[in-house]
Amino acid sequence: MSAAFFCRSRTAASGAVPRDQEMFIGHFALGYAAKRWAPGLSLAALFAAAQFADLLWPVLVALGIEQVRIVPGITASTPLEFISYPYSHSLLTLTLFGAVFGWAVSLRAPFASGVIVFLLVISHWMLDLVTHIPDLPLYPGGPKFGLGLWNSVTGTLVTETVMFALGVWLYATATTPRDKIGTWAFAGIAAFLFVGFLVNAMGTPPPSVTALWVMAIALGAFTLWLSWFADRHRRS
């Protein structure tokens, strides 16, 4: 799982930055890049499609439908062991969700925009396939896959950074600011995402699973709001 959320507070005992969820920004890179081919859709909508799996996941964890454990050292890049997430992170369910969302978008936007949304939703599984250890189900109850890039901190940082830089560049060349807010908000959200990614690379494990899903839901909503605000001050 590649989540967009992070906590900047410090633990009283150690002074370290707690890593409530690893922020992996490759998914945002695809959301940024997609603006070039779906200019009529808000950046928030594109982010939501690319990050749908990680927006649904903490809700299902909170409800007890999916399970995660905090196991420091399980990979070099994240302390989270994803025991079961058959609905938020299986290829089959994401394909179904993507088809529904893409169809809904195509009712109000060009068909191509619906296709982009569909591809963004299923792209989450494809990118996670590269980073995860074998814990991604093909379908609920099915075989699990993962190539394990998370076992290399350097590999993860380099891959995500290059992807993010390319995605931000594509967005920047596909849009122009309407006003000064459009310039500074664009820079602000890109910095927010990238700095959060770096902070989490040096962070400590979250204190509990409850803290994990609470922070994920809250900062997930904030990230979508921030992207909507920044994008409305830019034109395609």
Protein backbone atom coordinates (compact mmCIF):
# COMPACT_ATOMS: atom_id res chain seq x y z
CA MET A 1 0.00 0.00 0.00
CA SER A 2 1.24 3.46 -0.83
CA ALA A 3 -0.37 6.07 1.34
CA ALA A 4 -0.39 9.81 1.13
CA PHE A 5 -0.46 10.67 4.69
CA PHE A 6 2.08 11.55 7.32
CA CYS A 7 2.38 12.94 10.82
CA ARG A 8 4.82 15.77 11.56
CA SER A 9 4.45 15.66 15.34
CA ARG A 10 7.19 14.24 17.54
CA THR A 11 7.05 11.56 20.18
CA ALA A 12 7.69 12.75 23.67
CA ALA A 13 9.98 9.87 24.50
CA SER A 14 12.33 9.75 21.55
CA GLY A 15 11.87 13.04 19.73
CA ALA A 16 11.59 11.14 16.46
CA VAL A 17 9.03 11.79 13.77
CA PRO A 18 6.38 9.06 13.97
CA ARG A 19 5.65 7.35 10.70
CA ASP A 20 1.90 6.97 10.89
CA GLN A 21 1.86 5.86 7.29
CA GLU A 22 4.57 5.82 4.74
CA MET A 23 3.99 8.41 2.08
CA PHE A 24 4.87 6.96 -1.26
CA ILE A 25 4.35 9.57 -3.93
CA GLY A 26 4.43 7.55 -7.13
CA HIS A 27 0.64 7.40 -7.12
CA PHE A 28 0.46 11.19 -6.95
CA ALA A 29 2.89 11.36 -9.84
CA LEU A 30 0.36 9.58 -12.05
CA GLY A 31 -2.43 11.86 -10.81
CA TYR A 32 -0.37 14.91 -11.72
CA ALA A 33 0.57 13.52 -15.11
CA ALA A 34 -3.01 12.55 -15.96
CA LYS A 35 -4.04 16.21 -16.01
CA ARG A 36 -2.43 16.48 -19.45
CA TRP A 37 -4.87 13.90 -20.86
CA ALA A 38 -7.89 14.78 -18.70
CA PRO A 39 -7.73 18.57 -18.45
CA GLY A 40 -11.39 18.91 -17.54
CA LEU A 41 -11.02 16.92 -14.30
CA SER A 42 -9.88 18.44 -11.05
CA LEU A 43 -6.49 17.44 -9.73
CA ALA A 44 -8.35 16.28 -6.61
CA ALA A 45 -10.41 13.86 -8.70
CA LEU A 46 -7.27 12.52 -10.37
CA PHE A 47 -5.52 12.13 -7.01
CA ALA A 48 -8.59 10.41 -5.58
CA ALA A 49 -8.62 7.92 -8.45
CA ALA A 50 -4.91 7.16 -8.18
CA GLN A 51 -5.14 6.92 -4.39
CA PHE A 52 -8.56 5.29 -4.11
CA ALA A 53 -7.15 2.07 -2.65
CA ASP A 54 -5.39 4.00 0.10
CA LEU A 55 -8.42 6.18 0.79
CA LEU A 56 -10.66 3.13 1.21
CA TRP A 57 -8.13 1.09 3.18
CA PRO A 58 -8.09 3.02 6.50
CA VAL A 59 -11.89 3.08 6.56
CA LEU A 60 -12.01 -0.70 6.21
CA VAL A 61 -9.30 -1.08 8.86
CA ALA A 62 -11.31 1.14 11.22
CA LEU A 63 -14.38 -1.05 10.62
CA GLY A 64 -12.37 -4.23 11.26
CA ILE A 65 -12.96 -5.52 7.73
CA GLU A 66 -9.26 -5.39 6.79
CA GLN A 67 -6.26 -5.96 9.05
CA VAL A 68 -2.77 -4.52 9.44
CA ARG A 69 -0.04 -4.92 12.04
CA ILE A 70 2.89 -2.71 12.97
CA VAL A 71 6.03 -4.83 12.64
CA PRO A 72 9.20 -2.71 12.60
CA GLY A 73 11.74 -4.17 10.20
CA ILE A 74 9.32 -6.19 8.08
CA THR A 75 10.70 -4.16 5.16
CA ALA A 76 13.36 -1.48 5.06
CA SER A 77 10.88 1.18 3.98
CA THR A 78 7.70 0.57 5.99
CA PRO A 79 6.88 -1.07 9.35
CA LEU A 80 3.42 -2.14 8.24
CA GLU A 81 2.44 -5.76 7.72
CA PHE A 82 -0.69 -5.90 5.58
CA ILE A 83 -2.35 -9.04 6.89
CA SER A 84 -5.54 -8.77 4.89
CA TYR A 85 -6.86 -6.13 2.48
CA PRO A 86 -8.82 -8.11 -0.11
CA TYR A 87 -11.28 -5.34 -0.96
CA SER A 88 -9.18 -2.18 -1.02
CA HIS A 89 -6.09 -3.70 -2.62
CA SER A 90 -6.97 -6.66 -4.82
CA LEU A 91 -6.63 -6.25 -8.57
CA LEU A 92 -10.13 -7.57 -9.18
CA THR A 93 -11.90 -5.18 -6.82
CA LEU A 94 -9.89 -2.19 -8.02
CA THR A 95 -10.76 -3.09 -11.59
CA LEU A 96 -14.45 -3.14 -10.66
CA PHE A 97 -14.22 0.12 -8.73
CA GLY A 98 -12.30 1.69 -11.60
CA ALA A 99 -14.92 0.62 -14.12
CA VAL A 100 -17.74 2.10 -12.02
CA PHE A 101 -15.93 5.38 -11.38
CA GLY A 102 -14.78 5.66 -14.99
CA TRP A 103 -18.34 5.09 -16.21
CA ALA A 104 -19.68 7.72 -13.78
CA VAL A 105 -17.12 10.27 -14.94
CA SER A 106 -17.87 9.56 -18.61
CA LEU A 107 -21.50 10.56 -18.02
CA ARG A 108 -20.43 14.15 -17.37
CA ALA A 109 -17.04 14.41 -19.06
CA PRO A 110 -15.48 13.15 -22.29
CA PHE A 111 -15.21 9.37 -22.56
CA ALA A 112 -11.42 9.68 -22.54
CA SER A 113 -11.58 11.22 -19.07
CA GLY A 114 -13.52 8.20 -17.84
CA VAL A 115 -10.86 5.91 -19.28
CA ILE A 116 -8.16 7.92 -17.48
CA VAL A 117 -9.99 7.54 -14.17
CA PHE A 118 -10.35 3.79 -14.73
CA LEU A 119 -6.64 3.44 -15.49
CA LEU A 120 -5.65 5.53 -12.48
CA VAL A 121 -7.66 3.36 -10.10
CA ILE A 122 -6.10 0.11 -11.31
CA SER A 123 -2.65 1.71 -11.61
CA HIS A 124 -2.51 1.68 -7.83
CA TRP A 125 -2.22 -2.10 -7.80
CA MET A 126 0.35 -2.05 -10.58
CA LEU A 127 2.63 0.38 -8.75
CA ASP A 128 2.15 -1.41 -5.44
CA LEU A 129 3.12 -4.65 -7.17
CA VAL A 130 6.60 -3.18 -7.65
CA THR A 131 7.04 -1.86 -4.09
CA HIS A 132 5.28 -4.39 -1.86
CA ILE A 133 6.49 -7.71 -0.60
CA PRO A 134 4.10 -10.51 -1.72
CA ASP A 135 0.94 -9.34 0.05
CA LEU A 136 -1.18 -7.94 -2.81
CA PRO A 137 -4.07 -10.27 -3.67
CA LEU A 138 -5.07 -10.84 -7.26
CA TYR A 139 -8.66 -11.21 -6.03
CA PRO A 140 -10.19 -11.69 -2.53
CA GLY A 141 -8.78 -14.95 -1.22
CA GLY A 142 -6.52 -15.35 -4.23
CA PRO A 143 -2.75 -15.60 -4.66
CA LYS A 144 -0.62 -12.69 -3.48
CA PHE A 145 2.15 -10.87 -5.33
CA GLY A 146 4.82 -8.24 -4.73
CA LEU A 147 8.30 -7.57 -6.07
CA GLY A 148 9.68 -6.02 -2.88
CA LEU A 149 11.18 -2.65 -3.82
CA TRP A 150 10.42 -1.61 -0.24
CA ASN A 151 13.33 -3.79 0.85
CA SER A 152 15.62 -1.11 -0.57
CA VAL A 153 15.32 2.37 0.93
CA THR A 154 17.58 3.85 -1.73
CA GLY A 155 15.71 2.16 -4.56
CA THR A 156 12.38 3.35 -3.15
CA LEU A 157 13.55 6.95 -2.68
CA VAL A 158 15.09 7.20 -6.14
CA THR A 159 12.19 5.58 -7.97
CA GLU A 160 9.51 7.61 -6.20
CA THR A 161 11.42 10.88 -6.53
CA VAL A 162 11.99 10.49 -10.27
CA MET A 163 8.35 9.58 -10.83
CA PHE A 164 7.12 12.48 -8.73
CA ALA A 165 9.36 15.02 -10.47
CA LEU A 166 8.18 13.85 -13.88
CA GLY A 167 4.52 13.93 -12.85
CA VAL A 168 4.78 17.44 -11.38
CA TRP A 169 6.57 18.65 -14.53
CA LEU A 170 3.83 17.25 -16.77
CA TYR A 171 1.17 18.95 -14.66
CA ALA A 172 3.09 22.23 -14.67
CA THR A 173 3.41 22.19 -18.46
CA ALA A 174 -0.27 21.27 -18.93
CA THR A 175 -1.61 24.07 -16.73
CA THR A 176 -0.99 27.77 -16.09
CA PRO A 177 -1.79 29.82 -12.99
CA ARG A 178 -4.92 31.98 -12.99
CA ASP A 179 -3.47 34.15 -10.25
CA LYS A 180 -0.71 34.24 -7.65
CA ILE A 181 -2.54 31.66 -5.57
CA GLY A 182 -2.30 29.29 -8.52
CA THR A 183 1.48 29.62 -8.45
CA TRP A 184 2.03 29.34 -4.73
CA ALA A 185 -0.64 26.71 -4.01
CA PHE A 186 0.80 24.52 -6.77
CA ALA A 187 4.27 24.81 -5.28
CA GLY A 188 2.87 24.35 -1.78
CA ILE A 189 1.11 21.05 -2.37
CA ALA A 190 4.06 19.63 -4.30
CA ALA A 191 6.35 20.59 -1.40
CA PHE A 192 3.85 19.22 1.14
CA LEU A 193 3.81 15.83 -0.57
CA PHE A 194 7.54 15.60 -1.20
CA VAL A 195 8.68 16.82 2.22
CA GLY A 196 6.21 14.44 3.84
CA PHE A 197 7.70 11.62 1.80
CA LEU A 198 11.22 12.48 3.00
CA VAL A 199 10.14 12.96 6.62
CA ASN A 200 8.50 9.56 6.66
CA ALA A 201 11.60 7.94 5.24
CA MET A 202 13.33 8.95 8.49
CA GLY A 203 10.36 8.40 10.81
CA THR A 204 9.52 5.89 13.51
CA PRO A 205 6.63 3.39 13.47
CA PRO A 206 3.16 4.67 14.40
CA PRO A 207 2.17 4.18 18.05
CA SER A 208 -0.91 2.10 17.24
CA VAL A 209 -3.14 0.86 14.45
CA THR A 210 -5.83 3.27 15.63
CA ALA A 211 -3.47 6.23 15.26
CA LEU A 212 -2.59 4.90 11.82
CA TRP A 213 -6.11 4.86 10.41
CA VAL A 214 -7.19 8.10 12.13
CA MET A 215 -4.26 10.00 10.64
CA ALA A 216 -4.78 8.34 7.27
CA ILE A 217 -8.40 9.41 7.03
CA ALA A 218 -7.81 12.95 8.29
CA LEU A 219 -4.79 13.74 6.17
CA GLY A 220 -6.23 11.95 3.17
CA ALA A 221 -9.17 14.35 3.25
CA PHE A 222 -6.85 17.31 3.77
CA THR A 223 -4.65 16.32 0.82
CA LEU A 224 -7.66 16.09 -1.50
CA TRP A 225 -8.94 19.47 -0.33
CA LEU A 226 -5.53 21.06 -0.83
CA SER A 227 -5.21 19.63 -4.34
CA TRP A 228 -8.72 20.85 -5.23
CA PHE A 229 -7.91 24.34 -3.94
CA ALA A 230 -4.61 24.56 -5.81
CA ASP A 231 -6.04 23.25 -9.07
CA ARG A 232 -9.01 25.64 -9.14
CA HIS A 233 -6.51 28.49 -9.32
CA ARG A 234 -4.93 27.05 -12.45
CA ARG A 235 -6.27 26.63 -16.00
CA SER A 236 -5.66 23.81 -18.44
